[in-house]
Amino acid sequence: MNKKKIVIVDDEPNIVMSLEFTFKKNDYEVFIARDGSEAIDILKSQIPDIVLLDIMMPNVDGYQTLKYIRSNESTKNIKVIFLTAKNKVSDIEKGLKMGVDKYLTKPFSIKKIVEEVNELIK
């Protein structure tokens, strides 16, 4: 069976490391991007099952990255979870309007994220 692929997009190394470790342990192929432009580069050659996406990042933020994903024929059906410290109702509504599949706020439990991811892509 093919490994499921996940792209983790976040500029906080600790978060990236713990998520990467956990998803590898759960038998995912993991790709790491530190901002939206790195994520978009990855998406040009890889079509993951899911993208975990921070909103506030340098260069290209999560909103711009999501816009790219949703407006592109090859990527528009990828599941996307926003994983962000932005927890105002207006932020959440904006994310959902833009087509994010799930909106999770930091701080988060790794176990919960793995559950949400597995739920979304099964």
PDB file of N, CA and C in Angstrom:
ATOM      1  N   MET A   1       0.834  -1.202   0.000  1.00  0.00           N
ATOM      2  CA  MET A   1       0.000   0.000   0.000  1.00  0.00           C
ATOM      3  C   MET A   1       0.870   1.255   0.000  1.00  0.00           C
ATOM      4  N   ASN A   2       0.458   2.232  -0.766  1.00  0.00           N
ATOM      5  CA  ASN A   2       1.230   3.479  -0.777  1.00  0.00           C
ATOM      6  C   ASN A   2       1.112   4.209   0.549  1.00  0.00           C
ATOM      7  N   LYS A   3       2.207   4.812   0.953  1.00  0.00           N
ATOM      8  CA  LYS A   3       2.171   5.641   2.149  1.00  0.00           C
ATOM      9  C   LYS A   3       1.321   6.863   1.872  1.00  0.00           C
ATOM     10  N   LYS A   4       0.626   7.319   2.888  1.00  0.00           N
ATOM     11  CA  LYS A   4      -0.077   8.588   2.745  1.00  0.00           C
ATOM     12  C   LYS A   4       0.960   9.696   2.844  1.00  0.00           C
ATOM     13  N   LYS A   5       0.693  10.788   2.116  1.00  0.00           N
ATOM     14  CA  LYS A   5       1.642  11.899   2.118  1.00  0.00           C
ATOM     15  C   LYS A   5       1.041  13.099   2.823  1.00  0.00           C
ATOM     16  N   ILE A   6       1.876  13.748   3.634  1.00  0.00           N
ATOM     17  CA  ILE A   6       1.440  14.951   4.324  1.00  0.00           C
ATOM     18  C   ILE A   6       2.501  16.031   4.135  1.00  0.00           C
ATOM     19  N   VAL A   7       2.048  17.264   3.908  1.00  0.00           N
ATOM     20  CA  VAL A   7       2.966  18.402   3.874  1.00  0.00           C
ATOM     21  C   VAL A   7       2.693  19.234   5.121  1.00  0.00           C
ATOM     22  N   ILE A   8       3.742  19.477   5.899  1.00  0.00           N
ATOM     23  CA  ILE A   8       3.618  20.285   7.114  1.00  0.00           C
ATOM     24  C   ILE A   8       4.246  21.641   6.834  1.00  0.00           C
ATOM     25  N   VAL A   9       3.435  22.693   6.942  1.00  0.00           N
ATOM     26  CA  VAL A   9       3.899  24.040   6.606  1.00  0.00           C
ATOM     27  C   VAL A   9       3.819  24.906   7.854  1.00  0.00           C
ATOM     28  N   ASP A  10       4.974  25.189   8.446  1.00  0.00           N
ATOM     29  CA  ASP A  10       4.991  25.988   9.669  1.00  0.00           C
ATOM     30  C   ASP A  10       6.391  26.545   9.843  1.00  0.00           C
ATOM     31  N   ASP A  11       6.491  27.746  10.413  1.00  0.00           N
ATOM     32  CA  ASP A  11       7.816  28.340  10.590  1.00  0.00           C
ATOM     33  C   ASP A  11       8.338  28.139  12.012  1.00  0.00           C
ATOM     34  N   GLU A  12       7.640  27.352  12.831  1.00  0.00           N
ATOM     35  CA  GLU A  12       8.133  27.075  14.175  1.00  0.00           C
ATOM     36  C   GLU A  12       8.754  25.678  14.220  1.00  0.00           C
ATOM     37  N   PRO A  13      10.092  25.622  14.345  1.00  0.00           N
ATOM     38  CA  PRO A  13      10.812  24.341  14.259  1.00  0.00           C
ATOM     39  C   PRO A  13      10.297  23.272  15.231  1.00  0.00           C
ATOM     40  N   ASN A  14       9.950  23.677  16.470  1.00  0.00           N
ATOM     41  CA  ASN A  14       9.493  22.680  17.452  1.00  0.00           C
ATOM     42  C   ASN A  14       8.219  21.996  17.007  1.00  0.00           C
ATOM     43  N   ILE A  15       7.315  22.795  16.470  1.00  0.00           N
ATOM     44  CA  ILE A  15       6.044  22.239  15.999  1.00  0.00           C
ATOM     45  C   ILE A  15       6.315  21.297  14.838  1.00  0.00           C
ATOM     46  N   VAL A  16       7.128  21.751  13.904  1.00  0.00           N
ATOM     47  CA  VAL A  16       7.442  20.937  12.729  1.00  0.00           C
ATOM     48  C   VAL A  16       8.079  19.616  13.157  1.00  0.00           C
ATOM     49  N   MET A  17       9.026  19.685  14.082  1.00  0.00           N
ATOM     50  CA  MET A  17       9.716  18.469  14.488  1.00  0.00           C
ATOM     51  C   MET A  17       8.773  17.463  15.141  1.00  0.00           C
ATOM     52  N   SER A  18       7.929  17.933  16.052  1.00  0.00           N
ATOM     53  CA  SER A  18       7.051  16.981  16.731  1.00  0.00           C
ATOM     54  C   SER A  18       6.018  16.400  15.770  1.00  0.00           C
ATOM     55  N   LEU A  19       5.497  17.228  14.866  1.00  0.00           N
ATOM     56  CA  LEU A  19       4.522  16.713  13.893  1.00  0.00           C
ATOM     57  C   LEU A  19       5.189  15.736  12.926  1.00  0.00           C
ATOM     58  N   GLU A  20       6.380  16.095  12.470  1.00  0.00           N
ATOM     59  CA  GLU A  20       7.091  15.229  11.530  1.00  0.00           C
ATOM     60  C   GLU A  20       7.347  13.866  12.166  1.00  0.00           C
ATOM     61  N   PHE A  21       7.845  13.878  13.400  1.00  0.00           N
ATOM     62  CA  PHE A  21       8.129  12.641  14.115  1.00  0.00           C
ATOM     63  C   PHE A  21       6.857  11.788  14.229  1.00  0.00           C
ATOM     64  N   THR A  22       5.779  12.417  14.658  1.00  0.00           N
ATOM     65  CA  THR A  22       4.524  11.693  14.886  1.00  0.00           C
ATOM     66  C   THR A  22       3.977  11.094  13.597  1.00  0.00           C
ATOM     67  N   PHE A  23       3.966  11.872  12.529  1.00  0.00           N
ATOM     68  CA  PHE A  23       3.376  11.356  11.288  1.00  0.00           C
ATOM     69  C   PHE A  23       4.258  10.280  10.649  1.00  0.00           C
ATOM     70  N   LYS A  24       5.585  10.405  10.794  1.00  0.00           N
ATOM     71  CA  LYS A  24       6.452   9.340  10.289  1.00  0.00           C
ATOM     72  C   LYS A  24       6.180   8.049  11.057  1.00  0.00           C
ATOM     73  N   LYS A  25       5.999   8.191  12.359  1.00  0.00           N
ATOM     74  CA  LYS A  25       5.704   7.030  13.195  1.00  0.00           C
ATOM     75  C   LYS A  25       4.373   6.382  12.775  1.00  0.00           C
ATOM     76  N   ASN A  26       3.460   7.220  12.282  1.00  0.00           N
ATOM     77  CA  ASN A  26       2.160   6.728  11.822  1.00  0.00           C
ATOM     78  C   ASN A  26       2.192   6.343  10.340  1.00  0.00           C
ATOM     79  N   ASP A  27       3.400   6.188   9.816  1.00  0.00           N
ATOM     80  CA  ASP A  27       3.597   5.668   8.472  1.00  0.00           C
ATOM     81  C   ASP A  27       3.177   6.619   7.348  1.00  0.00           C
ATOM     82  N   TYR A  28       3.377   7.898   7.577  1.00  0.00           N
ATOM     83  CA  TYR A  28       3.154   8.885   6.525  1.00  0.00           C
ATOM     84  C   TYR A  28       4.490   9.233   5.886  1.00  0.00           C
ATOM     85  N   GLU A  29       4.431   9.622   4.620  1.00  0.00           N
ATOM     86  CA  GLU A  29       5.591  10.253   3.999  1.00  0.00           C
ATOM     87  C   GLU A  29       5.435  11.744   4.270  1.00  0.00           C
ATOM     88  N   VAL A  30       6.454  12.347   4.887  1.00  0.00           N
ATOM     89  CA  VAL A  30       6.325  13.719   5.380  1.00  0.00           C
ATOM     90  C   VAL A  30       7.189  14.680   4.569  1.00  0.00           C
ATOM     91  N   PHE A  31       6.584  15.790   4.162  1.00  0.00           N
ATOM     92  CA  PHE A  31       7.316  16.875   3.493  1.00  0.00           C
ATOM     93  C   PHE A  31       7.197  18.112   4.374  1.00  0.00           C
ATOM     94  N   ILE A  32       8.295  18.850   4.483  1.00  0.00           N
ATOM     95  CA  ILE A  32       8.329  20.007   5.378  1.00  0.00           C
ATOM     96  C   ILE A  32       8.541  21.285   4.569  1.00  0.00           C
ATOM     97  N   ALA A  33       7.737  22.306   4.886  1.00  0.00           N
ATOM     98  CA  ALA A  33       7.959  23.629   4.293  1.00  0.00           C
ATOM     99  C   ALA A  33       7.931  24.644   5.422  1.00  0.00           C
ATOM    100  N   ARG A  34       8.809  25.637   5.325  1.00  0.00           N
ATOM    101  CA  ARG A  34       8.862  26.642   6.379  1.00  0.00           C
ATOM    102  C   ARG A  34       8.014  27.873   6.081  1.00  0.00           C
ATOM    103  N   ASP A  35       7.531  27.955   4.863  1.00  0.00           N
ATOM    104  CA  ASP A  35       6.591  29.031   4.543  1.00  0.00           C
ATOM    105  C   ASP A  35       5.798  28.620   3.311  1.00  0.00           C
ATOM    106  N   GLY A  36       4.879  29.480   2.914  1.00  0.00           N
ATOM    107  CA  GLY A  36       4.001  29.142   1.810  1.00  0.00           C
ATOM    108  C   GLY A  36       4.714  28.932   0.488  1.00  0.00           C
ATOM    109  N   SER A  37       5.784  29.695   0.254  1.00  0.00           N
ATOM    110  CA  SER A  37       6.439  29.533  -1.052  1.00  0.00           C
ATOM    111  C   SER A  37       7.131  28.174  -1.133  1.00  0.00           C
ATOM    112  N   GLU A  38       7.709  27.710  -0.018  1.00  0.00           N
ATOM    113  CA  GLU A  38       8.298  26.362  -0.013  1.00  0.00           C
ATOM    114  C   GLU A  38       7.203  25.313  -0.209  1.00  0.00           C
ATOM    115  N   ALA A  39       6.054  25.552   0.406  1.00  0.00           N
ATOM    116  CA  ALA A  39       4.940  24.605   0.274  1.00  0.00           C
ATOM    117  C   ALA A  39       4.499  24.509  -1.185  1.00  0.00           C
ATOM    118  N   ILE A  40       4.379  25.663  -1.829  1.00  0.00           N
ATOM    119  CA  ILE A  40       3.933  25.689  -3.227  1.00  0.00           C
ATOM    120  C   ILE A  40       4.949  24.960  -4.113  1.00  0.00           C
ATOM    121  N   ASP A  41       6.247  25.135  -3.811  1.00  0.00           N
ATOM    122  CA  ASP A  41       7.278  24.398  -4.562  1.00  0.00           C
ATOM    123  C   ASP A  41       7.082  22.892  -4.427  1.00  0.00           C
ATOM    124  N   ILE A  42       6.834  22.444  -3.203  1.00  0.00           N
ATOM    125  CA  ILE A  42       6.623  21.007  -2.976  1.00  0.00           C
ATOM    126  C   ILE A  42       5.411  20.529  -3.773  1.00  0.00           C
ATOM    127  N   LEU A  43       4.342  21.336  -3.753  1.00  0.00           N
ATOM    128  CA  LEU A  43       3.089  20.931  -4.403  1.00  0.00           C
ATOM    129  C   LEU A  43       3.206  20.879  -5.927  1.00  0.00           C
ATOM    130  N   LYS A  44       4.267  21.469  -6.457  1.00  0.00           N
ATOM    131  CA  LYS A  44       4.462  21.377  -7.904  1.00  0.00           C
ATOM    132  C   LYS A  44       4.945  19.992  -8.306  1.00  0.00           C
ATOM    133  N   SER A  45       5.558  19.261  -7.337  1.00  0.00           N
ATOM    134  CA  SER A  45       6.062  17.931  -7.690  1.00  0.00           C
ATOM    135  C   SER A  45       5.385  16.802  -6.902  1.00  0.00           C
ATOM    136  N   GLN A  46       4.681  17.141  -5.836  1.00  0.00           N
ATOM    137  CA  GLN A  46       4.047  16.136  -4.982  1.00  0.00           C
ATOM    138  C   GLN A  46       2.580  16.478  -4.809  1.00  0.00           C
ATOM    139  N   ILE A  47       1.718  15.471  -4.879  1.00  0.00           N
ATOM    140  CA  ILE A  47       0.323  15.714  -4.522  1.00  0.00           C
ATOM    141  C   ILE A  47       0.042  14.932  -3.236  1.00  0.00           C
ATOM    142  N   PRO A  48       0.106  15.632  -2.092  1.00  0.00           N
ATOM    143  CA  PRO A  48      -0.096  14.942  -0.823  1.00  0.00           C
ATOM    144  C   PRO A  48      -1.583  14.644  -0.584  1.00  0.00           C
ATOM    145  N   ASP A  49      -1.836  13.811   0.405  1.00  0.00           N
ATOM    146  CA  ASP A  49      -3.222  13.573   0.802  1.00  0.00           C
ATOM    147  C   ASP A  49      -3.738  14.756   1.603  1.00  0.00           C
ATOM    148  N   ILE A  50      -2.827  15.390   2.330  1.00  0.00           N
ATOM    149  CA  ILE A  50      -3.257  16.459   3.234  1.00  0.00           C
ATOM    150  C   ILE A  50      -2.132  17.457   3.463  1.00  0.00           C
ATOM    151  N   VAL A  51      -2.511  18.713   3.721  1.00  0.00           N
ATOM    152  CA  VAL A  51      -1.564  19.764   4.053  1.00  0.00           C
ATOM    153  C   VAL A  51      -1.949  20.341   5.411  1.00  0.00           C
ATOM    154  N   LEU A  52      -0.989  20.365   6.332  1.00  0.00           N
ATOM    155  CA  LEU A  52      -1.174  21.066   7.611  1.00  0.00           C
ATOM    156  C   LEU A  52      -0.545  22.430   7.438  1.00  0.00           C
ATOM    157  N   LEU A  53      -1.327  23.476   7.600  1.00  0.00           N
ATOM    158  CA  LEU A  53      -0.900  24.800   7.164  1.00  0.00           C
ATOM    159  C   LEU A  53      -1.040  25.839   8.267  1.00  0.00           C
ATOM    160  N   ASP A  54       0.073  26.452   8.628  1.00  0.00           N
ATOM    161  CA  ASP A  54       0.036  27.581   9.557  1.00  0.00           C
ATOM    162  C   ASP A  54      -0.423  28.800   8.760  1.00  0.00           C
ATOM    163  N   ILE A  55      -1.013  29.790   9.433  1.00  0.00           N
ATOM    164  CA  ILE A  55      -1.441  30.993   8.702  1.00  0.00           C
ATOM    165  C   ILE A  55      -0.352  32.063   8.718  1.00  0.00           C
ATOM    166  N   MET A  56       0.178  32.352   9.907  1.00  0.00           N
ATOM    167  CA  MET A  56       1.143  33.454  10.009  1.00  0.00           C
ATOM    168  C   MET A  56       2.556  32.953   9.773  1.00  0.00           C
ATOM    169  N   MET A  57       3.067  33.223   8.566  1.00  0.00           N
ATOM    170  CA  MET A  57       4.422  32.802   8.200  1.00  0.00           C
ATOM    171  C   MET A  57       5.070  33.892   7.374  1.00  0.00           C
ATOM    172  N   PRO A  58       6.404  33.886   7.317  1.00  0.00           N
ATOM    173  CA  PRO A  58       7.093  34.873   6.466  1.00  0.00           C
ATOM    174  C   PRO A  58       6.807  34.615   4.982  1.00  0.00           C
ATOM    175  N   ASN A  59       7.097  35.591   4.163  1.00  0.00           N
ATOM    176  CA  ASN A  59       6.979  35.506   2.699  1.00  0.00           C
ATOM    177  C   ASN A  59       5.547  35.251   2.240  1.00  0.00           C
ATOM    178  N   VAL A  60       5.164  33.998   2.154  1.00  0.00           N
ATOM    179  CA  VAL A  60       3.823  33.667   1.673  1.00  0.00           C
ATOM    180  C   VAL A  60       3.051  33.061   2.837  1.00  0.00           C
ATOM    181  N   ASP A  61       1.949  33.704   3.229  1.00  0.00           N
ATOM    182  CA  ASP A  61       1.242  33.200   4.404  1.00  0.00           C
ATOM    183  C   ASP A  61       0.273  32.072   4.059  1.00  0.00           C
ATOM    184  N   GLY A  62      -0.393  31.558   5.086  1.00  0.00           N
ATOM    185  CA  GLY A  62      -1.282  30.418   4.906  1.00  0.00           C
ATOM    186  C   GLY A  62      -2.456  30.719   3.996  1.00  0.00           C
ATOM    187  N   TYR A  63      -2.983  31.942   4.094  1.00  0.00           N
ATOM    188  CA  TYR A  63      -4.125  32.293   3.241  1.00  0.00           C
ATOM    189  C   TYR A  63      -3.739  32.248   1.764  1.00  0.00           C
ATOM    190  N   GLN A  64      -2.579  32.838   1.453  1.00  0.00           N
ATOM    191  CA  GLN A  64      -2.114  32.836   0.050  1.00  0.00           C
ATOM    192  C   GLN A  64      -1.839  31.417  -0.431  1.00  0.00           C
ATOM    193  N   THR A  65      -1.293  30.606   0.471  1.00  0.00           N
ATOM    194  CA  THR A  65      -0.991  29.219   0.109  1.00  0.00           C
ATOM    195  C   THR A  65      -2.274  28.454  -0.176  1.00  0.00           C
ATOM    196  N   LEU A  66      -3.273  28.653   0.693  1.00  0.00           N
ATOM    197  CA  LEU A  66      -4.563  27.984   0.489  1.00  0.00           C
ATOM    198  C   LEU A  66      -5.195  28.421  -0.830  1.00  0.00           C
ATOM    199  N   LYS A  67      -5.085  29.715  -1.120  1.00  0.00           N
ATOM    200  CA  LYS A  67      -5.640  30.238  -2.380  1.00  0.00           C
ATOM    201  C   LYS A  67      -4.989  29.524  -3.570  1.00  0.00           C
ATOM    202  N   TYR A  68      -3.670  29.365  -3.501  1.00  0.00           N
ATOM    203  CA  TYR A  68      -2.953  28.659  -4.564  1.00  0.00           C
ATOM    204  C   TYR A  68      -3.472  27.225  -4.697  1.00  0.00           C
ATOM    205  N   ILE A  69      -3.578  26.538  -3.574  1.00  0.00           N
ATOM    206  CA  ILE A  69      -4.008  25.141  -3.586  1.00  0.00           C
ATOM    207  C   ILE A  69      -5.396  25.012  -4.210  1.00  0.00           C
ATOM    208  N   ARG A  70      -6.314  25.865  -3.773  1.00  0.00           N
ATOM    209  CA  ARG A  70      -7.699  25.763  -4.241  1.00  0.00           C
ATOM    210  C   ARG A  70      -7.889  26.224  -5.688  1.00  0.00           C
ATOM    211  N   SER A  71      -6.967  27.064  -6.191  1.00  0.00           N
ATOM    212  CA  SER A  71      -7.182  27.601  -7.539  1.00  0.00           C
ATOM    213  C   SER A  71      -6.449  26.786  -8.594  1.00  0.00           C
ATOM    214  N   ASN A  72      -5.789  25.722  -8.163  1.00  0.00           N
ATOM    215  CA  ASN A  72      -4.975  24.951  -9.087  1.00  0.00           C
ATOM    216  C   ASN A  72      -5.589  23.591  -9.361  1.00  0.00           C
ATOM    217  N   GLU A  73      -5.726  23.259 -10.631  1.00  0.00           N
ATOM    218  CA  GLU A  73      -6.393  22.017 -11.024  1.00  0.00           C
ATOM    219  C   GLU A  73      -5.794  20.799 -10.314  1.00  0.00           C
ATOM    220  N   SER A  74      -4.460  20.707 -10.263  1.00  0.00           N
ATOM    221  CA  SER A  74      -3.836  19.491  -9.728  1.00  0.00           C
ATOM    222  C   SER A  74      -3.901  19.407  -8.204  1.00  0.00           C
ATOM    223  N   THR A  75      -4.106  20.545  -7.532  1.00  0.00           N
ATOM    224  CA  THR A  75      -4.052  20.542  -6.062  1.00  0.00           C
ATOM    225  C   THR A  75      -5.389  20.844  -5.395  1.00  0.00           C
ATOM    226  N   LYS A  76      -6.399  21.220  -6.181  1.00  0.00           N
ATOM    227  CA  LYS A  76      -7.599  21.786  -5.548  1.00  0.00           C
ATOM    228  C   LYS A  76      -8.378  20.806  -4.663  1.00  0.00           C
ATOM    229  N   ASN A  77      -8.155  19.494  -4.831  1.00  0.00           N
ATOM    230  CA  ASN A  77      -8.880  18.540  -3.995  1.00  0.00           C
ATOM    231  C   ASN A  77      -8.093  18.034  -2.787  1.00  0.00           C
ATOM    232  N   ILE A  78      -6.897  18.578  -2.591  1.00  0.00           N
ATOM    233  CA  ILE A  78      -6.099  18.190  -1.422  1.00  0.00           C
ATOM    234  C   ILE A  78      -6.809  18.691  -0.165  1.00  0.00           C
ATOM    235  N   LYS A  79      -6.847  17.850   0.860  1.00  0.00           N
ATOM    236  CA  LYS A  79      -7.412  18.277   2.141  1.00  0.00           C
ATOM    237  C   LYS A  79      -6.425  19.216   2.826  1.00  0.00           C
ATOM    238  N   VAL A  80      -6.948  20.310   3.386  1.00  0.00           N
ATOM    239  CA  VAL A  80      -6.086  21.282   4.060  1.00  0.00           C
ATOM    240  C   VAL A  80      -6.623  21.560   5.456  1.00  0.00           C
ATOM    241  N   ILE A  81      -5.725  21.483   6.436  1.00  0.00           N
ATOM    242  CA  ILE A  81      -6.078  21.865   7.809  1.00  0.00           C
ATOM    243  C   ILE A  81      -5.257  23.091   8.184  1.00  0.00           C
ATOM    244  N   PHE A  82      -5.939  24.168   8.578  1.00  0.00           N
ATOM    245  CA  PHE A  82      -5.218  25.303   9.151  1.00  0.00           C
ATOM    246  C   PHE A  82      -4.872  24.942  10.586  1.00  0.00           C
ATOM    247  N   LEU A  83      -3.621  25.191  10.957  1.00  0.00           N
ATOM    248  CA  LEU A  83      -3.134  24.926  12.298  1.00  0.00           C
ATOM    249  C   LEU A  83      -2.520  26.228  12.744  1.00  0.00           C
ATOM    250  N   THR A  84      -3.232  27.002  13.573  1.00  0.00           N
ATOM    251  CA  THR A  84      -2.811  28.377  13.743  1.00  0.00           C
ATOM    252  C   THR A  84      -3.130  28.922  15.125  1.00  0.00           C
ATOM    253  N   ALA A  85      -2.398  29.962  15.505  1.00  0.00           N
ATOM    254  CA  ALA A  85      -2.687  30.645  16.759  1.00  0.00           C
ATOM    255  C   ALA A  85      -3.826  31.647  16.567  1.00  0.00           C
ATOM    256  N   LYS A  86      -4.214  31.897  15.320  1.00  0.00           N
ATOM    257  CA  LYS A  86      -5.298  32.853  15.064  1.00  0.00           C
ATOM    258  C   LYS A  86      -6.630  32.183  15.416  1.00  0.00           C
ATOM    259  N   ASN A  87      -7.209  32.575  16.555  1.00  0.00           N
ATOM    260  CA  ASN A  87      -8.392  31.856  17.009  1.00  0.00           C
ATOM    261  C   ASN A  87      -9.638  32.726  17.124  1.00  0.00           C
ATOM    262  N   LYS A  88      -9.606  33.919  16.527  1.00  0.00           N
ATOM    263  CA  LYS A  88     -10.811  34.746  16.533  1.00  0.00           C
ATOM    264  C   LYS A  88     -11.839  34.143  15.573  1.00  0.00           C
ATOM    265  N   VAL A  89     -13.104  34.336  15.904  1.00  0.00           N
ATOM    266  CA  VAL A  89     -14.167  33.802  15.054  1.00  0.00           C
ATOM    267  C   VAL A  89     -14.013  34.303  13.621  1.00  0.00           C
ATOM    268  N   SER A  90     -13.618  35.568  13.463  1.00  0.00           N
ATOM    269  CA  SER A  90     -13.484  36.131  12.110  1.00  0.00           C
ATOM    270  C   SER A  90     -12.378  35.419  11.326  1.00  0.00           C
ATOM    271  N   ASP A  91     -11.292  35.041  12.013  1.00  0.00           N
ATOM    272  CA  ASP A  91     -10.204  34.302  11.352  1.00  0.00           C
ATOM    273  C   ASP A  91     -10.711  32.943  10.889  1.00  0.00           C
ATOM    274  N   ILE A  92     -11.437  32.275  11.783  1.00  0.00           N
ATOM    275  CA  ILE A  92     -11.936  30.930  11.477  1.00  0.00           C
ATOM    276  C   ILE A  92     -12.905  30.998  10.293  1.00  0.00           C
ATOM    277  N   GLU A  93     -13.797  31.989  10.329  1.00  0.00           N
ATOM    278  CA  GLU A  93     -14.759  32.138   9.229  1.00  0.00           C
ATOM    279  C   GLU A  93     -14.053  32.409   7.916  1.00  0.00           C
ATOM    280  N   LYS A  94     -13.026  33.258   7.965  1.00  0.00           N
ATOM    281  CA  LYS A  94     -12.273  33.561   6.743  1.00  0.00           C
ATOM    282  C   LYS A  94     -11.658  32.285   6.181  1.00  0.00           C
ATOM    283  N   GLY A  95     -11.046  31.485   7.048  1.00  0.00           N
ATOM    284  CA  GLY A  95     -10.426  30.236   6.611  1.00  0.00           C
ATOM    285  C   GLY A  95     -11.442  29.302   5.974  1.00  0.00           C
ATOM    286  N   LEU A  96     -12.593  29.149   6.625  1.00  0.00           N
ATOM    287  CA  LEU A  96     -13.605  28.227   6.115  1.00  0.00           C
ATOM    288  C   LEU A  96     -14.173  28.732   4.791  1.00  0.00           C
ATOM    289  N   LYS A  97     -14.366  30.046   4.688  1.00  0.00           N
ATOM    290  CA  LYS A  97     -14.854  30.639   3.428  1.00  0.00           C
ATOM    291  C   LYS A  97     -13.887  30.371   2.287  1.00  0.00           C
ATOM    292  N   MET A  98     -12.596  30.395   2.619  1.00  0.00           N
ATOM    293  CA  MET A  98     -11.579  30.193   1.580  1.00  0.00           C
ATOM    294  C   MET A  98     -11.440  28.725   1.191  1.00  0.00           C
ATOM    295  N   GLY A  99     -12.116  27.847   1.941  1.00  0.00           N
ATOM    296  CA  GLY A  99     -12.124  26.453   1.526  1.00  0.00           C
ATOM    297  C   GLY A  99     -11.210  25.533   2.313  1.00  0.00           C
ATOM    298  N   VAL A 100     -10.813  25.956   3.517  1.00  0.00           N
ATOM    299  CA  VAL A 100     -10.012  25.049   4.345  1.00  0.00           C
ATOM    300  C   VAL A 100     -10.949  23.946   4.862  1.00  0.00           C
ATOM    301  N   ASP A 101     -10.426  22.732   4.993  1.00  0.00           N
ATOM    302  CA  ASP A 101     -11.271  21.611   5.423  1.00  0.00           C
ATOM    303  C   ASP A 101     -11.482  21.567   6.930  1.00  0.00           C
ATOM    304  N   LYS A 102     -10.469  21.991   7.671  1.00  0.00           N
ATOM    305  CA  LYS A 102     -10.560  22.000   9.126  1.00  0.00           C
ATOM    306  C   LYS A 102      -9.732  23.145   9.651  1.00  0.00           C
ATOM    307  N   TYR A 103     -10.153  23.688  10.796  1.00  0.00           N
ATOM    308  CA  TYR A 103      -9.450  24.817  11.387  1.00  0.00           C
ATOM    309  C   TYR A 103      -9.112  24.444  12.823  1.00  0.00           C
ATOM    310  N   LEU A 104      -7.846  24.183  13.106  1.00  0.00           N
ATOM    311  CA  LEU A 104      -7.431  23.816  14.462  1.00  0.00           C
ATOM    312  C   LEU A 104      -6.551  24.926  15.020  1.00  0.00           C
ATOM    313  N   THR A 105      -6.739  25.235  16.300  1.00  0.00           N
ATOM    314  CA  THR A 105      -5.969  26.333  16.874  1.00  0.00           C
ATOM    315  C   THR A 105      -4.870  25.808  17.801  1.00  0.00           C
ATOM    316  N   LYS A 106      -3.786  26.564  17.843  1.00  0.00           N
ATOM    317  CA  LYS A 106      -2.673  26.273  18.748  1.00  0.00           C
ATOM    318  C   LYS A 106      -3.019  26.852  20.117  1.00  0.00           C
ATOM    319  N   PRO A 107      -2.531  26.312  21.201  1.00  0.00           N
ATOM    320  CA  PRO A 107      -1.783  25.056  21.274  1.00  0.00           C
ATOM    321  C   PRO A 107      -2.711  23.871  21.023  1.00  0.00           C
ATOM    322  N   PHE A 108      -2.138  22.788  20.520  1.00  0.00           N
ATOM    323  CA  PHE A 108      -2.977  21.658  20.136  1.00  0.00           C
ATOM    324  C   PHE A 108      -2.381  20.378  20.705  1.00  0.00           C
ATOM    325  N   SER A 109      -3.182  19.334  20.729  1.00  0.00           N
ATOM    326  CA  SER A 109      -2.627  18.044  21.124  1.00  0.00           C
ATOM    327  C   SER A 109      -2.298  17.280  19.847  1.00  0.00           C
ATOM    328  N   ILE A 110      -1.094  16.721  19.832  1.00  0.00           N
ATOM    329  CA  ILE A 110      -0.632  15.976  18.657  1.00  0.00           C
ATOM    330  C   ILE A 110      -1.596  14.837  18.343  1.00  0.00           C
ATOM    331  N   LYS A 111      -2.072  14.186  19.396  1.00  0.00           N
ATOM    332  CA  LYS A 111      -2.973  13.054  19.223  1.00  0.00           C
ATOM    333  C   LYS A 111      -4.236  13.512  18.480  1.00  0.00           C
ATOM    334  N   LYS A 112      -4.747  14.658  18.884  1.00  0.00           N
ATOM    335  CA  LYS A 112      -5.950  15.206  18.256  1.00  0.00           C
ATOM    336  C   LYS A 112      -5.697  15.480  16.774  1.00  0.00           C
ATOM    337  N   ILE A 113      -4.528  16.015  16.458  1.00  0.00           N
ATOM    338  CA  ILE A 113      -4.218  16.313  15.064  1.00  0.00           C
ATOM    339  C   ILE A 113      -4.158  15.043  14.223  1.00  0.00           C
ATOM    340  N   VAL A 114      -3.505  14.015  14.760  1.00  0.00           N
ATOM    341  CA  VAL A 114      -3.423  12.751  14.029  1.00  0.00           C
ATOM    342  C   VAL A 114      -4.831  12.211  13.782  1.00  0.00           C
ATOM    343  N   GLU A 115      -5.689  12.295  14.803  1.00  0.00           N
ATOM    344  CA  GLU A 115      -7.080  11.839  14.639  1.00  0.00           C
ATOM    345  C   GLU A 115      -7.793  12.625  13.542  1.00  0.00           C
ATOM    346  N   GLU A 116      -7.655  13.948  13.590  1.00  0.00           N
ATOM    347  CA  GLU A 116      -8.324  14.809  12.601  1.00  0.00           C
ATOM    348  C   GLU A 116      -7.838  14.497  11.188  1.00  0.00           C
ATOM    349  N   VAL A 117      -6.537  14.317  11.046  1.00  0.00           N
ATOM    350  CA  VAL A 117      -5.951  14.023   9.738  1.00  0.00           C
ATOM    351  C   VAL A 117      -6.473  12.687   9.216  1.00  0.00           C
ATOM    352  N   ASN A 118      -6.413  11.666  10.067  1.00  0.00           N
ATOM    353  CA  ASN A 118      -6.877  10.339   9.640  1.00  0.00           C
ATOM    354  C   ASN A 118      -8.357  10.364   9.274  1.00  0.00           C
ATOM    355  N   GLU A 119      -9.114  11.132  10.043  1.00  0.00           N
ATOM    356  CA  GLU A 119     -10.540  11.290   9.805  1.00  0.00           C
ATOM    357  C   GLU A 119     -10.786  11.901   8.414  1.00  0.00           C
ATOM    358  N   LEU A 120     -10.044  12.953   8.118  1.00  0.00           N
ATOM    359  CA  LEU A 120     -10.248  13.688   6.860  1.00  0.00           C
ATOM    360  C   LEU A 120      -9.884  12.869   5.624  1.00  0.00           C
ATOM    361  N   ILE A 121      -8.864  12.023   5.740  1.00  0.00           N
ATOM    362  CA  ILE A 121      -8.406  11.377   4.498  1.00  0.00           C
ATOM    363  C   ILE A 121      -8.767   9.912   4.386  1.00  0.00           C
ATOM    364  N   LYS A 122      -9.601   9.433   5.296  1.00  0.00           N
ATOM    365  CA  LYS A 122      -9.910   7.998   5.146  1.00  0.00           C
ATOM    366  C   LYS A 122     -11.025   7.794   4.125  1.00  0.00           C
TER     367      LYS A 122
END
